[in-house]
Protein backbone atom coordinates (compact mmCIF):
# COMPACT_ATOMS: atom_id res chain seq x y z
CA MET A 1 -20.20 -33.27 -47.41
CA LYS A 2 -18.43 -36.66 -47.28
CA ASP A 3 -18.54 -36.90 -51.08
CA GLY A 4 -16.55 -33.69 -51.61
CA GLY A 5 -19.54 -31.33 -51.70
CA ASP A 6 -19.68 -27.76 -50.48
CA PHE A 7 -19.45 -26.98 -46.79
CA PRO A 8 -22.98 -26.62 -45.39
CA ILE A 9 -21.85 -23.95 -42.89
CA ALA A 10 -19.52 -21.04 -43.65
CA ASP A 11 -18.41 -17.90 -41.83
CA CYS A 12 -20.97 -15.13 -42.23
CA PRO A 13 -19.45 -12.22 -44.20
CA PHE A 14 -21.47 -9.77 -42.09
CA CYS A 15 -21.09 -10.93 -38.47
CA GLY A 16 -18.65 -13.86 -38.62
CA GLY A 17 -21.30 -16.25 -37.27
CA ALA A 18 -22.61 -19.50 -38.73
CA TYR A 19 -23.85 -18.91 -42.28
CA LEU A 20 -26.08 -21.72 -43.55
CA TYR A 21 -24.98 -21.93 -47.17
CA GLU A 22 -27.81 -24.10 -48.52
CA GLU A 23 -30.47 -21.99 -46.76
CA LYS A 24 -28.71 -18.76 -47.84
CA VAL A 25 -29.04 -17.12 -44.42
CA CYS A 26 -26.93 -16.51 -41.33
CA ALA A 27 -28.19 -18.39 -38.28
CA GLU A 28 -26.98 -15.58 -35.99
CA CYS A 29 -27.70 -12.23 -37.67
CA GLY A 30 -30.29 -13.27 -40.29
CA GLU A 31 -28.43 -11.62 -43.20
CA SER A 32 -28.35 -13.21 -46.63
CA ALA A 33 -25.24 -13.04 -48.83
CA VAL A 34 -25.14 -12.95 -52.62
CA HIS A 35 -24.46 -16.45 -54.00
CA GLU A 36 -23.84 -15.43 -57.65
CA CYS A 37 -20.90 -13.21 -58.62
CA GLU A 38 -22.10 -9.81 -59.84
CA LEU A 39 -19.35 -9.66 -62.49
CA CYS A 40 -18.97 -13.14 -63.99
CA CYS A 41 -22.26 -14.70 -62.79
CA SER A 42 -20.53 -17.81 -61.43
CA GLU A 43 -21.56 -19.41 -58.15
CA ILE A 44 -19.71 -17.99 -55.14
CA LEU A 45 -18.24 -20.81 -53.08
CA PRO A 46 -19.02 -20.91 -49.34
CA GLU A 47 -15.45 -20.04 -48.40
CA GLU A 48 -15.52 -17.03 -50.77
CA LEU A 49 -18.71 -15.38 -49.49
CA SER A 50 -18.22 -11.68 -48.88
CA GLU A 51 -20.15 -8.46 -48.53
CA ASP A 52 -19.08 -7.25 -52.00
CA GLY A 53 -20.96 -9.95 -53.97
CA LEU A 54 -17.93 -11.09 -55.95
CA CYS A 55 -16.35 -14.51 -56.33
CA GLY A 56 -12.78 -14.96 -55.14
CA TYR A 57 -11.31 -14.55 -58.63
CA CYS A 58 -13.22 -11.36 -59.48
CA SER A 59 -12.49 -9.93 -56.04
CA HIS A 60 -8.77 -10.57 -56.60
CA ILE A 61 -8.84 -8.97 -60.06
CA MET A 62 -10.75 -5.92 -58.79
CA SER A 63 -8.24 -5.41 -55.96
CA LYS A 64 -5.29 -5.09 -58.36
CA ASP A 65 -4.08 -1.55 -59.11
CA ASP A 66 -2.88 -2.17 -62.67
């Protein structure tokens, strides 16, 4: 963490609790989020975890109504 690494704990996309990113599980509800984007196959950053399984960029692109 001190060397600019990923945050070890993120907000759980399911319950809002403490999601342990390295362990890939929420400490409160036990759910596991997808860590690889289903569209571009890139790693989803801890702060971009969501229920839809998309990285921040793909989620943004999919939300556009063009």
